[in-house]
Amino acid sequence: MTAPNSHDLFSFLAAQIESFLKTHHNEHFQEHHQRRAKGEQYSKEHFFQLGFTFSFPVQQFGINKGTLIRWTKGFDIDDAIGKDVCQLLQSEIDALNLPVKVAALVNDTVGTLMARSYTSPGKTGTLVGAIFGTGTNGAYVETLSKVSKLQKMVDGGSDYDRSTGQMIVNTEWGSFDNQMSVLPNTPYDIALDAESVNPGIQMFEKRVSGMFLGEILRRATLAMIQSPTIQLFKDDSSASNDIHSTCTIAGDSALYKQWGVDTSFLSVAQADQSDGFRITRQALSKDLGVDAASSEDAEAVKILVEAIGKRSARLSAVALAAVIISTESLSRTASEGGAEGDGEVKEEDVVDIGVDGSLVEYYPGFEKYIREALREIEGIGQEGERRIRIGIAKDGSGVGAALIALVAAGREA
C-alpha cells in the first residue's frame, strides 16, 4: 500500500473505528457527542481503551508509544517513518471526537502470544507467538538478564518492570539474514526482491510469507514458459494434449502481471488429489487464464507449488527452532516417561507455541512440513518435536491486543 502521507492511512483507520462505534456502541457514541455539545465534563471512564495492533517494526518506548522504523509487506508511506504511530492514530481519533484512547501498541506476534497464553490448554506457559500469513514474525518470552538493550535504557534515564524476571521480545525475524549469508536463493527470489518496494529488506519474509509465495510461483512458471527447452503449456497439436485441445495462455493472464498470482492458488494445487489433476487445471483456467492445460502441465505446476510451500514451512521451522534452542526450553529435565517412546507427552514437558495467519491455518500440510523439519534439526530431534505443541490462536493479534489494552487500563486505574 502506498499513500501520499500518513494522514490518509490513519484517518482511514479512525473512520473505521467511528463506524464500529456507531454500529456496536451507538448509544455510548451519541451520549459522548451530546456531552461534548453541552460542554459537560467527562472522565476517562467514558473512553474505550483501544489495543492498536501494528504489525511493522517500531522502536517502542512505552505501552502506547512507539516510532515506526520501516514499512514492510508492501506498505510505503515515507512521512510516517520515525513518528509515533499511536500519536498519529490518536490525533485522527481526536479529530473525529471519538471516545477512544489508544491504550496499548501491540505487534501482532505479541498479541498472538498473549491470546495463546490466555487460551492454551493446561498450565504450561506459551513460549512463542508466531505469524505465518501475509507476513511472518515471532515474539517470545525471554529471561531479562539476556536482554542486553535494557541496560541502555537504564543508562538513558529510563527504567522497566523487573518483577517477573521476563520480557517479551519481538524478534522481527522477517529481516533475518538480509545480507543473504545462509538463506536459500533462486533467480526468482532475486528478481522478486529487486522489484519489491523494499529491496534488500525482509529477505526471510520474502521466502516464507503468503504475500510472496504466489509471486515466486508466477516468476518460476513464467521462466519455464519462456524457456525454449521446457514444454510447459506448449502443445504441438491437440493430439499431444490428453484432453485433445491445444493449451493457450490468455494475453491478459495473471502470469504476466506482477503480484498477479494469489497464494490461494498454491493452496488449491497443493491439496489437489483429483484424477488427472482436474482441480489444478480448473484453477489454471479460472485464475491464471491458462486454458486446456494437460495433466502433465498441471502435475508440473503442482510439483513447483509443493517445492515453494515446503521451503516456506521448513524455513518457518528454523525460526521456531532457533527460539526453542536459544531459550533452552527443551533442556529442562523431562518428567519420567514424558518425552520418550510413543506415549503421551505430559503437560509439564510441553513447549507451547501459538500461531496465527492464513498460511499456518489454511495452507495444506504446512504444519506437517514444519514438524518434519523440526525433527531434522540438531537440538530438537524426534523426541523434542513430540514435546512441541503448536496451537492456532484465532485472530490472535486482535484478541491479544484487547487483552493487553485491558491490562494497561487496569494499571492506570
Protein backbone atom coordinates (compact mmCIF):
# COMPACT_ATOMS: atom_id res chain seq x y z
CA MET A 1 0.00 0.00 0.00
CA THR A 2 1.22 3.49 -0.84
CA ALA A 3 -0.32 6.80 0.14
CA PRO A 4 0.67 10.46 -0.22
CA ASN A 5 1.03 10.83 3.55
CA SER A 6 0.33 9.17 6.88
CA HIS A 7 -2.84 11.24 7.37
CA ASP A 8 -4.57 9.23 4.63
CA LEU A 9 -3.85 5.93 6.37
CA PHE A 10 -4.55 6.90 9.96
CA SER A 11 -7.65 8.94 9.15
CA PHE A 12 -8.98 5.86 7.36
CA LEU A 13 -8.33 3.77 10.47
CA ALA A 14 -10.07 6.36 12.66
CA ALA A 15 -13.06 6.35 10.31
CA GLN A 16 -13.32 2.57 10.70
CA ILE A 17 -13.27 2.94 14.47
CA GLU A 18 -16.08 5.51 14.19
CA SER A 19 -18.10 3.13 12.04
CA PHE A 20 -17.58 0.33 14.58
CA LEU A 21 -18.76 2.54 17.45
CA LYS A 22 -21.87 3.62 15.58
CA THR A 23 -22.70 0.01 14.77
CA HIS A 24 -21.94 -1.67 18.09
CA HIS A 25 -21.91 1.10 20.71
CA ASN A 26 -24.15 3.76 19.21
CA GLU A 27 -25.79 4.76 22.49
CA HIS A 28 -22.44 5.43 24.13
CA PHE A 29 -21.23 7.19 20.97
CA GLN A 30 -24.24 9.52 20.88
CA GLU A 31 -24.06 10.25 24.61
CA HIS A 32 -20.43 11.25 24.24
CA HIS A 33 -21.21 13.71 21.46
CA GLN A 34 -24.16 15.15 23.37
CA ARG A 35 -21.94 15.60 26.42
CA ARG A 36 -19.36 17.44 24.33
CA ALA A 37 -22.02 19.62 22.71
CA LYS A 38 -23.26 20.71 26.15
CA GLY A 39 -19.73 21.37 27.36
CA GLU A 40 -20.08 18.79 30.11
CA GLN A 41 -17.04 17.25 31.74
CA TYR A 42 -16.28 13.62 31.11
CA SER A 43 -13.75 11.29 32.71
CA LYS A 44 -11.54 8.53 31.42
CA GLU A 45 -14.24 6.01 32.34
CA HIS A 46 -16.22 7.35 29.40
CA PHE A 47 -13.47 6.32 26.97
CA PHE A 48 -12.93 2.97 25.34
CA GLN A 49 -9.38 1.62 25.74
CA LEU A 50 -8.01 0.60 22.34
CA GLY A 51 -5.37 -2.03 21.71
CA PHE A 52 -3.62 -0.99 18.49
CA THR A 53 -2.20 -3.94 16.57
CA PHE A 54 0.56 -2.56 14.36
CA SER A 55 2.46 -5.26 12.53
CA PHE A 56 5.52 -3.29 11.45
CA PRO A 57 8.93 -2.72 13.06
CA VAL A 58 8.76 0.00 15.72
CA GLN A 59 11.04 1.32 18.43
CA GLN A 60 8.71 1.03 21.40
CA PHE A 61 9.21 3.44 24.29
CA GLY A 62 6.12 2.64 26.34
CA ILE A 63 2.91 0.66 26.43
CA ASN A 64 1.32 3.12 23.97
CA LYS A 65 4.33 4.86 22.44
CA GLY A 66 6.46 3.71 19.53
CA THR A 67 8.09 5.18 16.44
CA LEU A 68 7.96 3.44 13.08
CA ILE A 69 11.34 2.11 11.95
CA ARG A 70 10.33 0.97 8.46
CA TRP A 71 7.42 -0.37 6.49
CA THR A 72 7.12 -4.00 5.34
CA LYS A 73 4.58 -6.14 3.45
CA GLY A 74 4.33 -3.71 0.53
CA PHE A 75 3.47 -0.59 2.57
CA ASP A 76 5.35 2.58 1.61
CA ILE A 77 4.35 5.86 3.31
CA ASP A 78 7.55 7.81 3.85
CA ASP A 79 6.36 10.58 6.16
CA ALA A 80 5.27 8.09 8.86
CA ILE A 81 8.78 6.75 9.41
CA GLY A 82 10.25 7.97 12.68
CA LYS A 83 6.88 9.13 14.03
CA ASP A 84 4.91 7.80 16.99
CA VAL A 85 2.23 5.67 15.35
CA CYS A 86 0.00 5.77 18.44
CA GLN A 87 0.01 9.54 18.37
CA LEU A 88 -0.73 9.56 14.65
CA LEU A 89 -3.79 7.39 15.26
CA GLN A 90 -4.85 9.26 18.40
CA SER A 91 -4.74 12.58 16.56
CA GLU A 92 -7.13 11.29 13.90
CA ILE A 93 -9.39 9.75 16.56
CA ASP A 94 -9.49 13.08 18.38
CA ALA A 95 -10.24 14.91 15.14
CA LEU A 96 -13.45 12.84 14.93
CA ASN A 97 -14.23 13.44 18.62
CA LEU A 98 -14.36 9.72 19.35
CA PRO A 99 -14.45 8.44 22.95
CA VAL A 100 -11.39 6.26 22.39
CA LYS A 101 -7.90 6.24 23.84
CA VAL A 102 -5.03 4.29 22.30
CA ALA A 103 -4.03 2.35 25.41
CA ALA A 104 -1.57 -0.19 24.03
CA LEU A 105 0.65 -0.60 20.99
CA VAL A 106 0.92 -4.29 20.16
CA ASN A 107 2.77 -6.15 17.46
CA ASP A 108 0.64 -8.95 16.03
CA THR A 109 3.10 -11.56 17.29
CA VAL A 110 2.87 -10.23 20.85
CA GLY A 111 -0.90 -10.25 20.56
CA THR A 112 -0.81 -13.84 19.35
CA LEU A 113 1.46 -14.81 22.24
CA MET A 114 -0.90 -13.13 24.69
CA ALA A 115 -4.01 -14.70 23.17
CA ARG A 116 -2.48 -18.17 23.12
CA SER A 117 -1.31 -17.80 26.73
CA TYR A 118 -4.87 -16.93 27.67
CA THR A 119 -6.50 -19.85 25.85
CA SER A 120 -3.91 -22.64 25.71
CA PRO A 121 -4.86 -25.89 27.43
CA GLY A 122 -3.09 -26.97 30.60
CA LYS A 123 -0.80 -25.00 32.86
CA THR A 124 2.18 -24.71 30.53
CA GLY A 125 3.05 -21.12 29.64
CA THR A 126 3.28 -20.21 25.97
CA LEU A 127 6.84 -19.63 24.74
CA VAL A 128 6.30 -18.21 21.24
CA GLY A 129 3.64 -16.28 19.37
CA ALA A 130 4.26 -16.51 15.64
CA ILE A 131 2.61 -15.20 12.49
CA PHE A 132 2.72 -17.16 9.26
CA GLY A 133 0.35 -15.29 6.97
CA THR A 134 0.70 -12.27 4.71
CA GLY A 135 3.94 -11.64 6.58
CA THR A 136 5.93 -13.60 9.15
CA ASN A 137 7.34 -12.69 12.53
CA GLY A 138 7.64 -14.08 16.04
CA ALA A 139 7.71 -12.93 19.65
CA TYR A 140 8.85 -14.99 22.60
CA VAL A 141 9.37 -14.90 26.36
CA GLU A 142 12.98 -14.19 27.29
CA THR A 143 14.85 -14.00 30.60
CA LEU A 144 15.53 -10.36 31.50
CA SER A 145 19.24 -10.90 32.04
CA LYS A 146 19.59 -11.88 28.38
CA VAL A 147 18.01 -8.68 27.06
CA SER A 148 21.14 -6.56 26.90
CA LYS A 149 19.50 -3.48 25.37
CA LEU A 150 17.61 -2.89 28.62
CA GLN A 151 20.79 -1.65 30.26
CA LYS A 152 21.00 1.06 27.63
CA MET A 153 17.50 2.18 28.68
CA VAL A 154 18.68 2.47 32.28
CA ASP A 155 21.77 4.38 31.20
CA GLY A 156 19.49 6.70 29.23
CA GLY A 157 17.37 7.50 32.26
CA SER A 158 14.52 5.08 31.61
CA ASP A 159 13.52 2.09 33.68
CA TYR A 160 11.48 -1.08 33.30
CA ASP A 161 9.47 -3.57 35.34
CA ARG A 162 11.71 -6.29 36.75
CA SER A 163 9.05 -8.04 38.83
CA THR A 164 8.57 -11.11 36.62
CA GLY A 165 12.18 -11.59 35.58
CA GLN A 166 10.97 -11.98 31.99
CA MET A 167 10.25 -9.85 28.94
CA ILE A 168 8.51 -10.46 25.65
CA VAL A 169 10.87 -9.91 22.74
CA ASN A 170 9.58 -9.09 19.25
CA THR A 171 12.21 -10.69 17.01
CA GLU A 172 11.25 -9.16 13.65
CA TRP A 173 12.63 -12.36 12.15
CA GLY A 174 11.23 -11.38 8.76
CA SER A 175 14.50 -9.46 8.35
CA PHE A 176 16.69 -12.41 9.30
CA ASP A 177 19.79 -12.69 7.10
CA ASN A 178 19.18 -9.64 4.92
CA GLN A 179 22.83 -10.00 3.92
CA MET A 180 21.95 -13.41 2.41
CA SER A 181 24.66 -15.41 4.14
CA VAL A 182 22.64 -18.60 4.66
CA LEU A 183 19.16 -18.22 3.18
CA PRO A 184 18.38 -20.21 0.01
CA ASN A 185 18.30 -18.11 -3.14
CA THR A 186 16.97 -18.59 -6.65
CA PRO A 187 16.74 -16.30 -9.70
CA TYR A 188 13.05 -15.87 -8.87
CA ASP A 189 13.79 -14.72 -5.32
CA ILE A 190 16.38 -12.27 -6.64
CA ALA A 191 14.01 -10.79 -9.25
CA LEU A 192 11.13 -10.56 -6.76
CA ASP A 193 13.29 -8.69 -4.27
CA ALA A 194 14.71 -6.30 -6.88
CA GLU A 195 11.22 -5.23 -7.96
CA SER A 196 9.73 -5.02 -4.46
CA VAL A 197 9.12 -1.75 -2.60
CA ASN A 198 11.91 -2.61 -0.13
CA PRO A 199 14.82 -4.28 -1.94
CA GLY A 200 17.33 -5.96 0.35
CA ILE A 201 14.96 -5.92 3.33
CA GLN A 202 12.75 -8.67 4.82
CA MET A 203 14.64 -11.37 2.93
CA PHE A 204 13.43 -14.16 5.22
CA GLU A 205 9.84 -12.97 4.94
CA LYS A 206 10.09 -12.89 1.13
CA ARG A 207 10.76 -16.64 1.16
CA VAL A 208 8.18 -17.59 3.77
CA SER A 209 5.09 -15.39 3.83
CA GLY A 210 1.88 -15.67 1.89
CA MET A 211 2.29 -12.28 0.28
CA PHE A 212 5.26 -13.54 -1.73
CA LEU A 213 4.66 -17.24 -2.44
CA GLY A 214 2.29 -16.56 -5.34
CA GLU A 215 4.78 -14.17 -6.91
CA ILE A 216 7.59 -16.72 -6.59
CA LEU A 217 5.38 -19.27 -8.36
CA ARG A 218 4.46 -16.75 -11.05
CA ARG A 219 8.08 -15.92 -11.82
CA ALA A 220 9.22 -19.54 -11.82
CA THR A 221 6.31 -20.60 -14.04
CA LEU A 222 6.87 -17.74 -16.45
CA ALA A 223 10.56 -18.61 -16.74
CA MET A 224 9.60 -22.17 -17.65
CA ILE A 225 7.09 -20.94 -20.24
CA GLN A 226 9.69 -18.67 -21.82
CA SER A 227 12.37 -21.35 -21.90
CA PRO A 228 12.72 -22.98 -25.35
CA THR A 229 13.81 -26.24 -23.72
CA ILE A 230 10.79 -26.66 -21.42
CA GLN A 231 7.44 -27.77 -22.80
CA LEU A 232 5.18 -26.32 -20.11
CA PHE A 233 1.83 -25.24 -21.62
CA LYS A 234 3.18 -25.94 -25.13
CA ASP A 235 1.32 -28.40 -27.33
CA ASP A 236 2.43 -29.22 -30.84
CA SER A 237 -1.17 -30.12 -31.60
CA SER A 238 -4.33 -31.15 -29.83
CA ALA A 239 -3.26 -34.76 -30.28
CA SER A 240 -0.39 -34.25 -27.82
CA ASN A 241 -2.77 -32.97 -25.14
CA ASP A 242 -4.64 -35.55 -23.06
CA ILE A 243 -7.88 -33.58 -23.37
CA HIS A 244 -7.42 -33.26 -27.14
CA SER A 245 -7.27 -29.49 -27.15
CA THR A 246 -4.35 -27.10 -27.58
CA CYS A 247 -3.28 -25.28 -24.44
CA THR A 248 -3.45 -21.49 -24.65
CA ILE A 249 -2.45 -18.66 -22.31
CA ALA A 250 -4.62 -15.54 -22.37
CA GLY A 251 -2.87 -12.31 -23.30
CA ASP A 252 -4.01 -10.76 -20.03
CA SER A 253 -3.11 -13.81 -17.95
CA ALA A 254 -2.18 -13.20 -14.31
CA LEU A 255 1.13 -14.86 -15.15
CA TYR A 256 2.15 -11.68 -16.97
CA LYS A 257 1.28 -9.33 -14.09
CA GLN A 258 3.44 -8.66 -11.05
CA TRP A 259 1.62 -9.97 -7.94
CA GLY A 260 -0.94 -11.48 -10.30
CA VAL A 261 -0.90 -14.94 -8.68
CA ASP A 262 -2.52 -15.20 -5.27
CA THR A 263 -1.20 -17.69 -2.73
CA SER A 264 -4.68 -19.22 -2.57
CA PHE A 265 -3.88 -20.79 -5.95
CA LEU A 266 -0.98 -22.63 -4.32
CA SER A 267 -3.31 -23.96 -1.64
CA VAL A 268 -5.65 -25.36 -4.29
CA ALA A 269 -2.85 -27.06 -6.20
CA GLN A 270 -1.17 -28.34 -3.03
CA ALA A 271 -4.38 -30.06 -1.91
CA ASP A 272 -5.32 -31.45 -5.32
CA GLN A 273 -5.67 -35.25 -5.30
CA SER A 274 -8.13 -35.43 -8.20
CA ASP A 275 -7.70 -37.67 -11.23
CA GLY A 276 -5.51 -36.03 -13.84
CA PHE A 277 -5.12 -33.02 -11.53
CA ARG A 278 -8.52 -31.83 -12.69
CA ILE A 279 -8.88 -29.29 -9.89
CA THR A 280 -5.50 -27.70 -10.63
CA ARG A 281 -6.37 -27.49 -14.32
CA GLN A 282 -9.64 -25.76 -13.47
CA ALA A 283 -7.78 -23.28 -11.27
CA LEU A 284 -5.22 -22.65 -14.01
CA SER A 285 -8.05 -21.74 -16.35
CA LYS A 286 -10.12 -19.70 -13.91
CA ASP A 287 -7.37 -17.87 -12.01
CA LEU A 288 -4.44 -17.71 -14.42
CA GLY A 289 -6.06 -17.73 -17.85
CA VAL A 290 -4.33 -20.97 -18.90
CA ASP A 291 -6.91 -22.97 -20.84
CA ALA A 292 -6.79 -26.65 -21.74
CA ALA A 293 -3.65 -27.41 -19.72
CA SER A 294 -2.66 -31.07 -19.94
CA SER A 295 -2.38 -33.34 -16.93
CA GLU A 296 1.41 -33.20 -17.36
CA ASP A 297 1.26 -29.40 -17.23
CA ALA A 298 -0.85 -29.48 -14.08
CA GLU A 299 1.45 -32.02 -12.46
CA ALA A 300 4.48 -29.84 -13.20
CA VAL A 301 2.76 -26.85 -11.62
CA LYS A 302 1.83 -28.94 -8.57
CA ILE A 303 5.43 -30.09 -8.13
CA LEU A 304 6.58 -26.46 -8.27
CA VAL A 305 3.88 -25.43 -5.79
CA GLU A 306 4.91 -28.18 -3.38
CA ALA A 307 8.54 -27.08 -3.51
CA ILE A 308 7.66 -23.44 -2.78
CA GLY A 309 5.26 -24.31 0.04
CA LYS A 310 7.58 -26.86 1.60
CA ARG A 311 10.50 -24.43 1.55
CA SER A 312 8.35 -21.82 3.27
CA ALA A 313 7.31 -24.23 6.03
CA ARG A 314 10.81 -25.57 6.60
CA LEU A 315 12.22 -22.07 6.92
CA SER A 316 9.41 -21.34 9.38
CA ALA A 317 10.59 -24.32 11.40
CA VAL A 318 14.10 -22.88 11.51
CA ALA A 319 12.79 -19.67 13.11
CA LEU A 320 10.80 -21.58 15.72
CA ALA A 321 13.68 -23.95 16.44
CA ALA A 322 16.10 -21.04 16.91
CA VAL A 323 13.92 -19.65 19.73
CA ILE A 324 13.36 -23.04 21.33
CA ILE A 325 17.07 -23.86 21.31
CA SER A 326 18.18 -20.37 22.40
CA THR A 327 15.82 -20.38 25.38
CA GLU A 328 16.83 -23.96 26.26
CA SER A 329 13.16 -24.80 26.55
CA LEU A 330 13.76 -28.46 25.79
CA SER A 331 16.74 -28.81 28.11
CA ARG A 332 14.54 -28.92 31.19
CA THR A 333 14.56 -32.44 32.54
CA ALA A 334 11.51 -34.19 31.20
CA SER A 335 9.34 -35.92 33.71
CA GLU A 336 9.68 -39.68 33.83
CA GLY A 337 8.31 -41.08 30.60
CA GLY A 338 7.23 -37.64 29.50
CA ALA A 339 9.12 -37.43 26.23
CA GLU A 340 10.21 -40.95 25.45
CA GLY A 341 8.71 -43.63 23.26
CA ASP A 342 5.26 -43.29 21.80
CA GLY A 343 3.41 -42.44 25.00
CA GLU A 344 1.53 -39.22 25.56
CA VAL A 345 3.72 -36.24 26.45
CA LYS A 346 2.98 -34.95 29.93
CA GLU A 347 1.76 -31.38 30.28
CA GLU A 348 4.81 -30.23 32.22
CA ASP A 349 7.03 -31.34 29.34
CA VAL A 350 5.16 -29.41 26.65
CA VAL A 351 6.65 -26.42 24.85
CA ASP A 352 3.61 -24.40 23.78
CA ILE A 353 3.64 -22.27 20.62
CA GLY A 354 0.78 -20.07 19.48
CA VAL A 355 0.42 -19.35 15.78
CA ASP A 356 -1.87 -17.30 13.59
CA GLY A 357 -2.09 -16.44 9.92
CA SER A 358 -3.54 -17.77 6.71
CA LEU A 359 -0.56 -19.98 5.82
CA VAL A 360 -0.39 -21.97 9.02
CA GLU A 361 -4.17 -22.15 9.30
CA TYR A 362 -5.20 -22.91 5.72
CA TYR A 363 -2.21 -23.98 3.62
CA PRO A 364 -2.43 -27.78 3.26
CA GLY A 365 0.34 -29.64 5.07
CA PHE A 366 2.08 -26.53 6.40
CA GLU A 367 2.35 -27.74 10.00
CA LYS A 368 3.31 -31.22 8.79
CA TYR A 369 6.26 -29.76 6.88
CA ILE A 370 7.23 -27.67 9.92
CA ARG A 371 7.27 -30.76 12.11
CA GLU A 372 9.27 -32.76 9.56
CA ALA A 373 11.92 -30.05 9.62
CA LEU A 374 11.94 -29.78 13.43
CA ARG A 375 12.71 -33.49 13.67
CA GLU A 376 15.75 -32.97 11.47
CA ILE A 377 17.20 -30.05 13.45
CA GLU A 378 20.00 -30.81 15.89
CA GLY A 379 18.88 -29.78 19.33
CA ILE A 380 15.24 -30.65 18.59
CA GLY A 381 15.12 -34.11 17.05
CA GLN A 382 12.25 -36.56 17.09
CA GLU A 383 11.79 -36.56 20.86
CA GLY A 384 11.97 -32.78 21.08
CA GLU A 385 9.44 -32.34 18.28
CA ARG A 386 6.96 -34.52 20.18
CA ARG A 387 7.10 -32.09 23.09
CA ILE A 388 6.27 -29.07 20.93
CA ARG A 389 2.58 -28.17 20.84
CA ILE A 390 1.54 -25.84 18.05
CA GLY A 391 -1.88 -24.28 18.51
CA ILE A 392 -3.88 -21.81 16.46
CA ALA A 393 -4.59 -18.53 18.23
CA LYS A 394 -7.54 -17.50 16.07
CA ASP A 395 -7.43 -13.75 15.42
CA GLY A 396 -4.66 -13.76 18.00
CA SER A 397 -3.37 -10.34 17.09
CA GLY A 398 -6.75 -8.70 17.72
CA VAL A 399 -7.72 -10.70 20.79
CA GLY A 400 -4.26 -10.30 22.29
CA ALA A 401 -4.28 -6.54 21.72
CA ALA A 402 -7.63 -6.29 23.51
CA LEU A 403 -6.27 -8.27 26.46
CA ILE A 404 -3.18 -6.07 26.67
CA ALA A 405 -5.31 -2.89 26.49
CA LEU A 406 -7.40 -4.30 29.35
CA VAL A 407 -4.28 -4.87 31.44
CA ALA A 408 -2.93 -1.41 30.59
CA ALA A 409 -6.22 0.23 31.57
CA GLY A 410 -6.21 -1.69 34.85
CA ARG A 411 -2.76 -0.39 35.72
CA GLU A 412 -3.94 3.18 35.16
CA ALA A 413 -6.93 2.76 37.44
